[in-house]
N, C-alpha and C. Protein backbone atom coordinates (compact mmCIF):
# COMPACT_ATOMS: atom_id res chain seq x y z
N MET A 1 16.03 -24.40 -1.06
CA MET A 1 15.72 -23.66 -0.05
C MET A 1 15.86 -22.11 -0.52
N SER A 2 17.04 -21.71 -1.13
CA SER A 2 17.22 -20.31 -1.73
C SER A 2 16.07 -19.93 -2.63
N LYS A 3 15.84 -20.72 -3.46
CA LYS A 3 14.72 -20.57 -4.46
C LYS A 3 13.41 -20.36 -3.81
N ASP A 4 13.05 -21.32 -3.16
CA ASP A 4 11.69 -21.02 -2.36
C ASP A 4 11.75 -19.77 -1.39
N ARG A 5 12.83 -19.40 -0.79
CA ARG A 5 12.61 -18.25 0.02
C ARG A 5 12.62 -16.90 -1.05
N ASP A 6 13.32 -16.83 -2.26
CA ASP A 6 13.40 -15.99 -3.01
C ASP A 6 11.87 -15.87 -3.71
N ALA A 7 11.26 -16.90 -3.94
CA ALA A 7 9.61 -16.98 -4.43
C ALA A 7 9.04 -16.37 -3.40
N ALA A 8 9.02 -16.83 -2.15
CA ALA A 8 8.09 -16.09 -1.16
C ALA A 8 8.49 -14.81 -0.67
N THR A 9 9.75 -14.25 -0.99
CA THR A 9 9.86 -12.87 -0.95
C THR A 9 9.24 -12.22 -1.95
N LEU A 10 9.34 -12.72 -3.25
CA LEU A 10 8.52 -11.81 -4.38
C LEU A 10 7.18 -12.01 -4.17
N ARG A 11 6.51 -13.01 -3.60
CA ARG A 11 5.06 -13.08 -3.20
C ARG A 11 4.76 -11.89 -2.13
N VAL A 12 5.53 -11.99 -1.28
CA VAL A 12 5.59 -10.88 -0.24
C VAL A 12 5.42 -9.45 -0.78
N TYR A 13 6.42 -9.37 -1.48
CA TYR A 13 6.50 -7.82 -2.34
C TYR A 13 5.26 -7.48 -3.03
N ALA A 14 4.79 -8.50 -3.97
CA ALA A 14 3.64 -8.33 -4.84
C ALA A 14 2.37 -7.98 -3.95
N ALA A 15 2.12 -8.91 -2.91
CA ALA A 15 0.97 -8.65 -2.01
C ALA A 15 1.29 -7.17 -1.43
N LEU A 16 2.30 -6.77 -0.85
CA LEU A 16 2.47 -5.52 -0.34
C LEU A 16 2.19 -4.37 -1.12
N GLU A 17 2.60 -4.71 -2.39
CA GLU A 17 2.58 -3.56 -3.51
C GLU A 17 0.89 -3.58 -3.69
N GLN A 18 0.04 -4.40 -3.84
CA GLN A 18 -1.24 -4.41 -3.99
C GLN A 18 -1.77 -3.84 -3.02
N TYR A 19 -1.39 -4.07 -1.59
CA TYR A 19 -1.91 -3.65 -0.44
C TYR A 19 -1.60 -1.97 -0.31
N GLU A 20 -0.41 -1.77 -0.64
CA GLU A 20 -0.13 -0.09 -0.42
C GLU A 20 -0.97 0.52 -1.47
N ARG A 21 -1.28 0.08 -2.71
CA ARG A 21 -2.08 0.96 -3.57
C ARG A 21 -3.56 0.78 -3.43
N ALA A 22 -4.15 -0.28 -2.59
CA ALA A 22 -5.48 -0.19 -2.05
C ALA A 22 -5.54 0.67 -1.13
N LEU A 23 -4.62 0.79 -0.13
CA LEU A 23 -4.73 1.88 0.77
C LEU A 23 -4.75 3.27 0.45
N ASP A 24 -3.78 3.42 -0.73
CA ASP A 24 -3.82 4.97 -1.23
C ASP A 24 -5.06 5.25 -2.00
N MET A 25 -5.70 4.16 -2.65
CA MET A 25 -6.86 4.69 -3.47
C MET A 25 -8.17 4.63 -2.51
N ALA A 26 -8.04 3.94 -1.22
CA ALA A 26 -8.94 4.28 -0.16
C ALA A 26 -8.84 5.67 0.26
N ALA A 27 -7.66 6.02 0.47
CA ALA A 27 -7.18 7.52 1.13
C ALA A 27 -7.76 8.58 0.05
N LYS A 28 -7.49 8.46 -1.28
CA LYS A 28 -7.95 9.07 -2.27
C LYS A 28 -9.25 9.48 -2.50
N HIS A 29 -10.13 7.95 -2.38
CA HIS A 29 -11.63 8.12 -2.41
C HIS A 29 -12.09 8.75 -1.33
N GLY A 30 -11.51 8.49 -0.01
CA GLY A 30 -11.81 9.19 1.25
C GLY A 30 -11.84 10.58 1.12
N ALA A 31 -10.66 10.98 0.76
CA ALA A 31 -10.40 12.66 0.60
C ALA A 31 -11.46 13.20 -0.32
N LEU A 32 -11.75 12.32 -1.59
CA LEU A 32 -12.69 13.19 -2.44
C LEU A 32 -14.09 13.23 -1.58
N LEU A 33 -14.44 12.24 -0.95
CA LEU A 33 -15.78 12.06 -0.14
C LEU A 33 -15.46 13.45 0.72
N ALA A 34 -14.80 13.45 1.60
CA ALA A 34 -14.54 14.40 2.58
C ALA A 34 -14.59 15.71 1.91
N ALA A 35 -14.15 16.08 0.56
CA ALA A 35 -14.10 17.56 0.18
C ALA A 35 -15.79 17.54 -0.45
N GLU A 36 -16.42 16.46 -1.04
CA GLU A 36 -17.67 16.83 -1.37
C GLU A 36 -18.74 16.83 -0.20
N LEU A 37 -18.55 16.39 0.81
CA LEU A 37 -19.40 16.51 1.91
C LEU A 37 -19.91 18.22 2.20
N PRO A 38 -18.85 18.88 2.77
CA PRO A 38 -19.12 20.16 2.96
C PRO A 38 -19.98 21.00 1.74
N GLN A 39 -19.51 20.55 0.41
CA GLN A 39 -20.06 21.20 -0.75
C GLN A 39 -21.47 21.07 -0.73
N ALA A 40 -21.71 19.76 -0.74
CA ALA A 40 -23.18 19.23 -0.70
C ALA A 40 -23.83 20.01 0.20
N ARG A 41 -23.46 20.18 1.53
CA ARG A 41 -24.26 20.94 2.39
C ARG A 41 -24.63 22.33 1.89
N LEU A 42 -23.07 22.82 1.35
CA LEU A 42 -23.55 24.37 0.99
C LEU A 42 -24.40 24.34 -0.33
N ASP A 43 -24.25 23.46 -1.33
CA ASP A 43 -25.06 23.45 -2.32
C ASP A 43 -26.80 23.18 -2.27
N GLY A 44 -26.96 22.37 -1.07
CA GLY A 44 -28.10 22.06 -0.80
C GLY A 44 -28.80 23.07 0.11
N ASN A 45 -27.93 24.04 0.65
CA ASN A 45 -28.43 24.95 1.57
C ASN A 45 -28.98 24.30 2.79
N PHE A 46 -28.26 23.30 3.52
CA PHE A 46 -28.49 22.66 4.68
C PHE A 46 -27.95 23.34 6.06
N ALA A 47 -28.69 23.08 6.83
CA ALA A 47 -28.19 23.70 8.21
C ALA A 47 -26.91 23.01 8.63
N MET A 48 -25.94 23.44 9.40
CA MET A 48 -24.74 22.79 9.72
C MET A 48 -24.89 21.38 10.30
N GLU A 49 -26.02 21.39 11.36
CA GLU A 49 -26.19 20.19 12.07
C GLU A 49 -26.68 18.97 11.22
N VAL A 50 -27.03 19.42 10.16
CA VAL A 50 -27.59 18.05 9.07
C VAL A 50 -26.62 17.22 8.75
N ALA A 51 -26.64 16.04 9.04
CA ALA A 51 -25.60 14.94 8.76
C ALA A 51 -24.39 15.24 9.50
N GLN A 52 -24.32 15.98 10.54
CA GLN A 52 -22.94 16.24 11.52
C GLN A 52 -22.40 14.77 11.97
N ASP A 53 -23.12 13.76 12.12
CA ASP A 53 -22.51 12.50 12.80
C ASP A 53 -22.04 11.64 11.55
N ALA A 54 -22.68 11.89 10.44
CA ALA A 54 -22.15 11.13 9.25
C ALA A 54 -20.62 12.13 8.77
N PHE A 55 -20.79 13.21 8.88
CA PHE A 55 -19.36 14.04 8.52
C PHE A 55 -18.40 13.43 9.38
N ALA A 56 -18.58 13.26 10.70
CA ALA A 56 -17.63 12.86 11.69
C ALA A 56 -17.20 11.49 11.43
N HIS A 57 -18.10 10.51 11.15
CA HIS A 57 -17.84 9.31 10.88
C HIS A 57 -16.84 9.09 9.65
N PHE A 58 -17.17 9.83 8.54
CA PHE A 58 -16.35 9.67 7.21
C PHE A 58 -14.98 10.36 7.47
N PHE A 59 -15.02 11.37 8.13
CA PHE A 59 -13.80 12.12 8.18
C PHE A 59 -12.62 11.16 9.33
N ASN A 60 -13.44 10.60 10.24
CA ASN A 60 -12.57 9.72 10.99
C ASN A 60 -11.98 8.52 10.48
N SER A 61 -13.09 8.04 9.68
CA SER A 61 -12.44 6.81 8.91
C SER A 61 -11.09 7.18 8.02
N LEU A 62 -11.05 8.38 7.34
CA LEU A 62 -10.08 8.79 6.57
C LEU A 62 -8.84 8.86 7.61
N SER A 63 -9.04 9.45 8.69
CA SER A 63 -7.88 9.41 9.75
C SER A 63 -7.34 8.00 9.86
N THR A 64 -8.30 7.02 9.91
CA THR A 64 -8.04 5.70 10.32
C THR A 64 -7.01 5.12 9.13
N ILE A 65 -7.47 5.60 7.83
CA ILE A 65 -6.77 4.98 6.65
C ILE A 65 -5.49 5.54 6.54
N ILE A 66 -5.27 6.84 6.99
CA ILE A 66 -3.95 7.46 7.04
C ILE A 66 -3.04 6.74 8.13
N ALA A 67 -3.78 6.59 9.17
CA ALA A 67 -2.91 5.89 10.34
C ALA A 67 -2.46 4.41 9.87
N ALA A 68 -3.41 3.68 9.08
CA ALA A 68 -2.97 2.49 8.53
C ALA A 68 -1.86 2.63 7.52
N ARG A 69 -1.78 3.58 6.94
CA ARG A 69 -0.47 3.81 5.95
C ARG A 69 0.83 3.92 6.92
N GLY A 70 0.82 4.53 7.80
CA GLY A 70 1.72 4.60 8.88
C GLY A 70 2.16 3.42 9.29
N GLN A 71 1.20 2.33 9.55
CA GLN A 71 1.42 1.12 9.93
C GLN A 71 2.15 0.30 9.10
N VAL A 72 1.75 0.57 7.81
CA VAL A 72 2.58 0.05 6.58
C VAL A 72 3.97 0.26 6.72
N VAL A 73 4.31 1.71 6.61
CA VAL A 73 5.51 2.01 6.73
C VAL A 73 6.24 1.28 7.83
N GLU A 74 5.88 1.22 8.86
CA GLU A 74 6.60 0.46 9.97
C GLU A 74 6.62 -1.08 9.72
N GLY A 75 5.82 -1.64 8.97
CA GLY A 75 5.85 -2.95 8.72
C GLY A 75 7.17 -2.99 7.77
N HIS A 76 7.47 -2.28 6.84
CA HIS A 76 8.31 -2.06 5.92
C HIS A 76 9.86 -2.25 6.52
N ARG A 77 10.12 -1.51 7.74
CA ARG A 77 11.00 -1.38 8.56
C ARG A 77 11.46 -2.70 9.19
N HIS A 78 10.15 -3.60 9.57
CA HIS A 78 10.49 -4.78 10.12
C HIS A 78 10.84 -5.89 9.08
N LEU A 79 9.98 -5.62 7.80
CA LEU A 79 10.57 -6.61 6.83
C LEU A 79 12.03 -6.46 6.37
N ALA A 80 12.51 -5.10 6.46
CA ALA A 80 14.01 -4.96 6.22
C ALA A 80 14.90 -5.62 7.12
N VAL A 81 14.62 -5.71 8.29
CA VAL A 81 15.24 -6.53 9.42
C VAL A 81 15.33 -7.83 8.92
N VAL A 82 14.11 -8.38 8.59
CA VAL A 82 14.22 -9.76 8.23
C VAL A 82 14.83 -10.17 7.06
N GLN A 83 14.80 -9.28 5.94
CA GLN A 83 15.67 -9.47 4.83
C GLN A 83 16.93 -9.42 5.02
N ARG A 84 17.54 -8.60 5.96
CA ARG A 84 19.03 -8.64 6.17
C ARG A 84 19.57 -9.91 6.97
N LYS A 85 18.42 -10.16 8.07
CA LYS A 85 18.89 -11.32 8.86
C LYS A 85 19.06 -12.61 8.02
N PHE A 86 18.17 -12.88 7.19
CA PHE A 86 18.26 -13.96 6.33
C PHE A 86 18.72 -13.97 4.99
N LYS A 87 19.48 -12.76 4.67
CA LYS A 87 20.03 -12.52 3.52
C LYS A 87 19.25 -12.72 2.25
N LEU A 88 17.83 -12.27 2.38
CA LEU A 88 16.79 -12.48 1.26
C LEU A 88 17.09 -11.36 0.13
N PRO A 89 16.81 -11.87 -0.87
CA PRO A 89 17.09 -10.58 -2.17
C PRO A 89 16.26 -9.33 -1.72
N VAL A 90 16.76 -8.28 -2.27
CA VAL A 90 16.25 -7.07 -2.16
C VAL A 90 15.35 -6.79 -3.34
N VAL A 91 14.05 -6.58 -3.27
CA VAL A 91 13.21 -6.65 -4.34
C VAL A 91 12.72 -4.98 -4.59
N SER A 92 12.99 -4.30 -3.80
CA SER A 92 12.35 -2.90 -3.96
C SER A 92 13.25 -1.88 -2.88
N ILE A 93 13.63 -0.89 -3.36
CA ILE A 93 14.53 0.13 -2.46
C ILE A 93 13.98 1.61 -2.06
N GLY A 94 12.46 1.51 -2.67
CA GLY A 94 11.66 3.00 -2.51
C GLY A 94 11.77 3.79 -3.64
N ASP A 95 12.49 3.30 -4.66
CA ASP A 95 11.98 4.22 -5.72
C ASP A 95 11.19 3.70 -6.73
N LYS A 96 10.36 2.73 -6.65
CA LYS A 96 9.05 2.41 -7.32
C LYS A 96 9.47 1.80 -8.80
N ASN A 97 10.98 1.51 -8.95
CA ASN A 97 11.32 0.89 -10.17
C ASN A 97 11.55 -0.58 -9.85
N PRO A 98 10.71 -1.49 -10.13
CA PRO A 98 10.72 -2.79 -9.52
C PRO A 98 11.70 -3.57 -10.47
N PRO A 99 12.44 -4.28 -9.78
CA PRO A 99 13.58 -5.33 -10.18
C PRO A 99 13.32 -6.35 -11.24
N TYR A 100 12.16 -6.53 -11.61
CA TYR A 100 11.42 -7.64 -12.11
C TYR A 100 11.31 -7.39 -13.73
N PRO A 101 11.14 -8.25 -14.41
CA PRO A 101 10.82 -7.64 -15.86
C PRO A 101 9.60 -6.84 -16.24
N PRO A 102 9.82 -6.25 -17.42
CA PRO A 102 8.44 -5.51 -17.67
C PRO A 102 7.24 -6.00 -17.87
N GLY A 103 7.23 -7.27 -17.99
CA GLY A 103 5.89 -8.09 -18.02
C GLY A 103 5.09 -8.13 -16.81
N GLY A 104 5.98 -7.59 -15.76
CA GLY A 104 5.16 -7.54 -14.29
C GLY A 104 5.72 -8.76 -13.47
N ILE A 105 5.07 -8.73 -12.27
CA ILE A 105 5.43 -9.73 -11.26
C ILE A 105 4.99 -11.09 -11.49
N GLU A 106 3.71 -11.38 -11.91
CA GLU A 106 3.21 -12.65 -12.31
C GLU A 106 3.94 -13.63 -12.90
N PRO A 107 4.41 -13.07 -14.23
CA PRO A 107 5.35 -13.90 -15.13
C PRO A 107 6.36 -13.91 -14.43
N ALA A 108 7.08 -13.01 -13.58
CA ALA A 108 8.30 -13.34 -12.99
C ALA A 108 8.40 -14.30 -12.05
N LEU A 109 7.28 -14.70 -11.43
CA LEU A 109 6.93 -15.59 -10.25
C LEU A 109 7.15 -16.92 -10.86
N ASN A 110 6.56 -17.05 -12.27
CA ASN A 110 6.64 -18.24 -12.86
C ASN A 110 8.00 -18.56 -13.30
N ASN A 111 9.03 -17.57 -13.38
CA ASN A 111 10.25 -17.90 -13.90
C ASN A 111 11.29 -17.22 -13.02
N ILE A 112 11.27 -17.70 -11.63
CA ILE A 112 11.96 -17.17 -10.80
C ILE A 112 13.54 -17.11 -10.97
N GLU A 113 13.95 -18.44 -11.64
CA GLU A 113 15.28 -18.49 -11.73
C GLU A 113 16.06 -17.42 -12.62
N HIS A 114 15.37 -16.64 -13.52
CA HIS A 114 15.72 -15.63 -14.33
C HIS A 114 15.68 -14.35 -13.70
N LEU A 115 15.10 -14.11 -12.50
CA LEU A 115 15.16 -12.55 -12.06
C LEU A 115 16.32 -11.92 -11.63
N PRO A 116 16.51 -10.93 -11.88
CA PRO A 116 17.92 -10.35 -11.52
C PRO A 116 17.50 -9.63 -10.14
N LEU A 117 17.75 -10.50 -9.23
CA LEU A 117 17.59 -10.50 -7.80
C LEU A 117 18.92 -9.80 -7.23
N GLN A 118 18.89 -9.08 -6.22
CA GLN A 118 20.15 -8.39 -5.67
C GLN A 118 20.61 -8.93 -4.23
N ALA A 119 21.79 -9.17 -4.07
CA ALA A 119 22.14 -9.60 -2.80
C ALA A 119 22.10 -8.69 -1.73
N ALA A 120 21.79 -8.56 -0.69
CA ALA A 120 21.67 -7.43 0.38
C ALA A 120 23.13 -7.28 0.88
């Protein structure tokens, strides 16, 4: 059972890492769009009311992405409770130095018995 739980823990960690990266990329691209919209209006010499509704929707979508990041942070707190309760391995402590081998998480998942997992 412990090997299964360790493997499940690593799968959740890998999925969470991908999700966090996707959110940050969405935030980055949303911020680039947010910066480009007013510049395009200025460059095109458009009146302020032109595409105002589009501006509002795009800026609100960026706010939603930032709120989603906050939800992920809160999810981390809840996963930490589960990790401690079930004495699951610690796979990350926030410093972004992964505890798995240099080849990445996928090869590590295929060879889980050799991972340097830490006890909580």
